[in-house]
N, C-alpha and C. Protein backbone atom coordinates (compact mmCIF):
# COMPACT_ATOMS: atom_id res chain seq x y z
N MET A 1 182.46 46.82 82.56
CA MET A 1 182.02 46.06 83.23
C MET A 1 182.35 44.59 82.00
N SER A 2 181.75 44.94 81.05
CA SER A 2 181.26 44.21 79.77
C SER A 2 183.31 44.88 79.50
N GLY A 3 183.36 45.54 79.12
CA GLY A 3 184.49 45.95 78.95
C GLY A 3 185.76 45.03 78.82
N HIS A 4 185.56 45.44 80.10
CA HIS A 4 186.66 43.99 81.44
C HIS A 4 186.42 42.49 80.82
N GLN A 5 184.70 42.33 80.94
CA GLN A 5 184.61 40.63 79.93
C GLN A 5 184.84 40.80 78.28
N LYS A 6 184.43 41.08 77.59
CA LYS A 6 185.21 41.66 76.46
C LYS A 6 186.75 41.14 75.93
N SER A 7 187.15 41.78 77.35
CA SER A 7 188.75 41.55 76.88
C SER A 7 189.28 40.14 77.58
N LYS A 8 188.50 39.90 78.62
CA LYS A 8 188.79 38.22 79.27
C LYS A 8 188.65 37.67 78.39
N GLY A 9 187.34 37.62 77.35
CA GLY A 9 186.96 36.23 75.87
C GLY A 9 188.31 36.37 75.33
N LYS A 10 188.77 37.37 74.80
CA LYS A 10 189.83 37.44 73.83
C LYS A 10 190.59 36.96 74.14
N MET A 11 191.39 37.02 75.37
CA MET A 11 192.30 36.20 76.62
C MET A 11 191.98 35.10 75.24
N GLU A 12 191.09 34.69 76.39
CA GLU A 12 190.93 33.04 76.70
C GLU A 12 191.52 32.54 75.45
N GLN A 13 190.41 32.89 73.94
CA GLN A 13 190.65 32.97 72.67
C GLN A 13 191.80 32.56 72.21
N ALA A 14 192.92 33.88 72.66
CA ALA A 14 194.20 33.35 72.22
C ALA A 14 194.87 32.94 72.61
N LYS A 15 195.18 32.07 73.60
CA LYS A 15 195.45 32.01 75.15
C LYS A 15 195.40 29.99 74.81
N GLY A 16 193.37 29.52 74.12
CA GLY A 16 193.17 28.51 73.97
C GLY A 16 193.61 28.58 72.35
N LYS A 17 193.73 29.14 71.39
CA LYS A 17 194.83 28.45 70.00
C LYS A 17 196.21 28.41 70.42
N ALA A 18 197.41 29.32 71.46
CA ALA A 18 198.28 28.65 71.61
C ALA A 18 198.70 27.23 71.65
N LYS A 19 197.21 27.10 71.93
CA LYS A 19 197.67 25.76 73.72
C LYS A 19 197.16 24.82 72.07
N GLU A 20 196.47 25.19 71.73
CA GLU A 20 195.54 23.94 70.45
C GLU A 20 197.22 23.95 69.18
N THR A 21 197.67 25.13 69.37
CA THR A 21 198.16 24.88 68.63
C THR A 21 199.60 24.20 68.94
N ALA A 22 200.00 24.91 70.04
CA ALA A 22 201.21 23.60 70.76
C ALA A 22 200.60 22.50 70.34
N GLY A 23 199.77 21.98 71.08
CA GLY A 23 199.10 21.05 71.30
C GLY A 23 199.61 20.25 69.79
N ARG A 24 199.17 20.66 68.83
CA ARG A 24 199.03 20.18 67.06
C ARG A 24 200.62 19.76 66.89
N ALA A 25 201.45 20.51 67.33
CA ALA A 25 203.22 20.34 66.92
C ALA A 25 203.60 19.85 67.37
N VAL A 26 204.05 19.57 68.61
CA VAL A 26 204.37 18.34 69.23
C VAL A 26 203.22 16.90 69.18
N GLY A 27 201.97 16.60 68.64
CA GLY A 27 200.86 15.67 69.02
C GLY A 27 201.19 15.62 70.42
N ASN A 28 200.37 16.24 70.77
CA ASN A 28 199.89 16.67 72.54
C ASN A 28 197.85 15.85 72.52
N GLU A 29 196.98 15.37 72.26
CA GLU A 29 196.33 15.18 71.88
C GLU A 29 195.40 16.44 72.82
N SER A 30 195.62 16.08 74.22
CA SER A 30 195.26 16.50 75.19
C SER A 30 195.41 17.66 75.54
N LEU A 31 196.00 18.19 74.84
CA LEU A 31 197.16 19.35 74.87
C LEU A 31 195.99 20.59 73.78
N THR A 32 195.62 19.70 73.06
CA THR A 32 194.79 20.43 71.63
C THR A 32 193.95 20.23 72.41
N ALA A 33 192.89 19.09 72.86
CA ALA A 33 192.00 19.80 73.80
C ALA A 33 191.76 20.37 74.09
N GLU A 34 192.95 21.11 76.02
CA GLU A 34 192.40 21.67 76.44
C GLU A 34 192.18 23.35 75.98
N GLY A 35 192.76 23.48 74.94
CA GLY A 35 192.95 24.74 74.14
C GLY A 35 191.55 24.79 72.41
N HIS A 36 191.68 23.49 72.16
CA HIS A 36 190.46 24.31 71.55
C HIS A 36 188.47 24.69 72.41
N ALA A 37 188.85 23.65 73.95
CA ALA A 37 188.55 24.07 74.62
C ALA A 37 187.91 25.05 75.08
N GLU A 38 190.00 25.67 75.23
CA GLU A 38 189.97 26.96 76.10
C GLU A 38 189.31 28.09 74.93
N LYS A 39 189.12 27.77 73.73
CA LYS A 39 189.35 28.68 73.22
C LYS A 39 187.07 29.50 72.79
N ALA A 40 186.39 27.84 72.62
CA ALA A 40 185.13 27.75 72.52
C ALA A 40 184.97 29.06 73.67
N LYS A 41 185.64 28.60 74.94
CA LYS A 41 185.03 29.54 75.37
C LYS A 41 184.97 30.84 76.13
N GLY A 42 185.80 31.24 75.14
CA GLY A 42 186.18 32.44 74.63
C GLY A 42 185.60 32.77 74.11
N ASN A 43 185.02 32.19 72.74
CA ASN A 43 184.20 32.97 71.81
C ASN A 43 182.99 32.28 72.38
N ALA A 44 182.16 32.29 73.42
CA ALA A 44 180.95 32.02 74.01
C ALA A 44 180.41 33.75 74.86
N ARG A 45 182.03 33.08 75.68
CA ARG A 45 182.49 34.87 76.22
C ARG A 45 181.80 35.80 75.37
N GLN A 46 182.41 35.96 74.60
CA GLN A 46 181.72 36.99 72.90
C GLN A 46 180.85 37.42 72.62
N ALA A 47 180.18 36.57 72.64
CA ALA A 47 178.73 36.09 72.44
C ALA A 47 177.59 36.84 73.14
N LYS A 48 178.38 36.28 74.30
CA LYS A 48 177.20 36.35 75.19
C LYS A 48 177.55 38.19 75.89
N GLU A 49 178.94 38.81 75.42
CA GLU A 49 178.77 40.38 75.90
C GLU A 49 177.97 40.89 75.26
N LYS A 50 178.37 40.32 73.18
CA LYS A 50 177.98 41.38 71.86
C LYS A 50 176.45 41.83 71.91
N THR A 51 176.00 40.09 72.23
CA THR A 51 174.27 40.17 72.78
C THR A 51 173.96 40.86 74.04
N LYS A 52 174.12 41.55 74.95
CA LYS A 52 173.97 42.65 76.31
C LYS A 52 174.71 43.48 75.76
N ASP A 53 175.04 44.05 74.86
CA ASP A 53 175.74 45.48 73.56
C ASP A 53 174.12 45.34 73.02
N ILE A 54 173.98 44.65 72.21
CA ILE A 54 172.98 44.56 71.11
C ILE A 54 171.60 45.59 72.24
N PHE A 55 171.72 44.45 73.44
CA PHE A 55 169.40 44.85 73.89
C PHE A 55 170.68 46.38 74.52
N LYS A 56 171.25 46.72 74.98
CA LYS A 56 171.81 47.72 75.97
C LYS A 56 170.75 48.70 74.75
N SER A 57 170.91 49.10 73.75
CA SER A 57 171.03 50.44 73.02
C SER A 57 169.67 50.04 73.13
């Protein structure tokens, strides 16, 4: 289960980065903000999973 959540976090980070970059390229502030939020969500998921891994040991 943990591996699935980690990969989901990485996917969210990548999607968010792509949206953020695309939004900046075309000057769409809404898309840039949406991408930034999605990237932050992925970062949070990754941090949560890393914390869980620390306490498993």
